Amino acid sequence: MATVKPIKPKKPVDYVGHEPVMLGVSKAKAMAWVLEQLGAPDGCNNLQHALADAGDPKETHEWLHSVVGEALRAALDDIETEYRKLGTNLLQKEATQAGVERLLRPPTTRSRRTVCDGDRGDPGSFYWRLLGPEGHRAP
């Protein structure tokens, strides 16, 4: 029996776009676009021209606005439901991860030498003024 090699796509496949949350986002964007077109000044887009050809443009416009508004709310509810199914709370995860990284980091030990120890030869340094040019306290 011959072995089958899997087909590798030329470009990486974006599976995120096919997840239920992203499908809801796509629906919400579409409904928002329609509402945006409905709010445009009269005669500025094809949707306005199509509504003008309908029997009663004002009644059709109001009906379409309410239907699209309900569809947008439903899409946003779907997004929230699917997001909650994921069981992710990104802020909590981020805080937990930062806490774990802090705990896993080796403790820092400080030596008796400080950053200022190298400045003893500088006449403007704290040590020069405190200890004098010889490096010990003047009487």
Foldseek 3Di string as FASTA:
>chain_A
DDDDDDDDDPDDDDCVCVQQLNVLVVQLVVLVVVLVVLPDPAPPDPVNVVLVPDDDSVVVSVVSNVVSVVSNVVSVVSNVVSVVVVVDDPVVVVVVVVVVVVVPDDDDDDDPDDPCPVVCCPCPGPQCVQANNVRHHDD
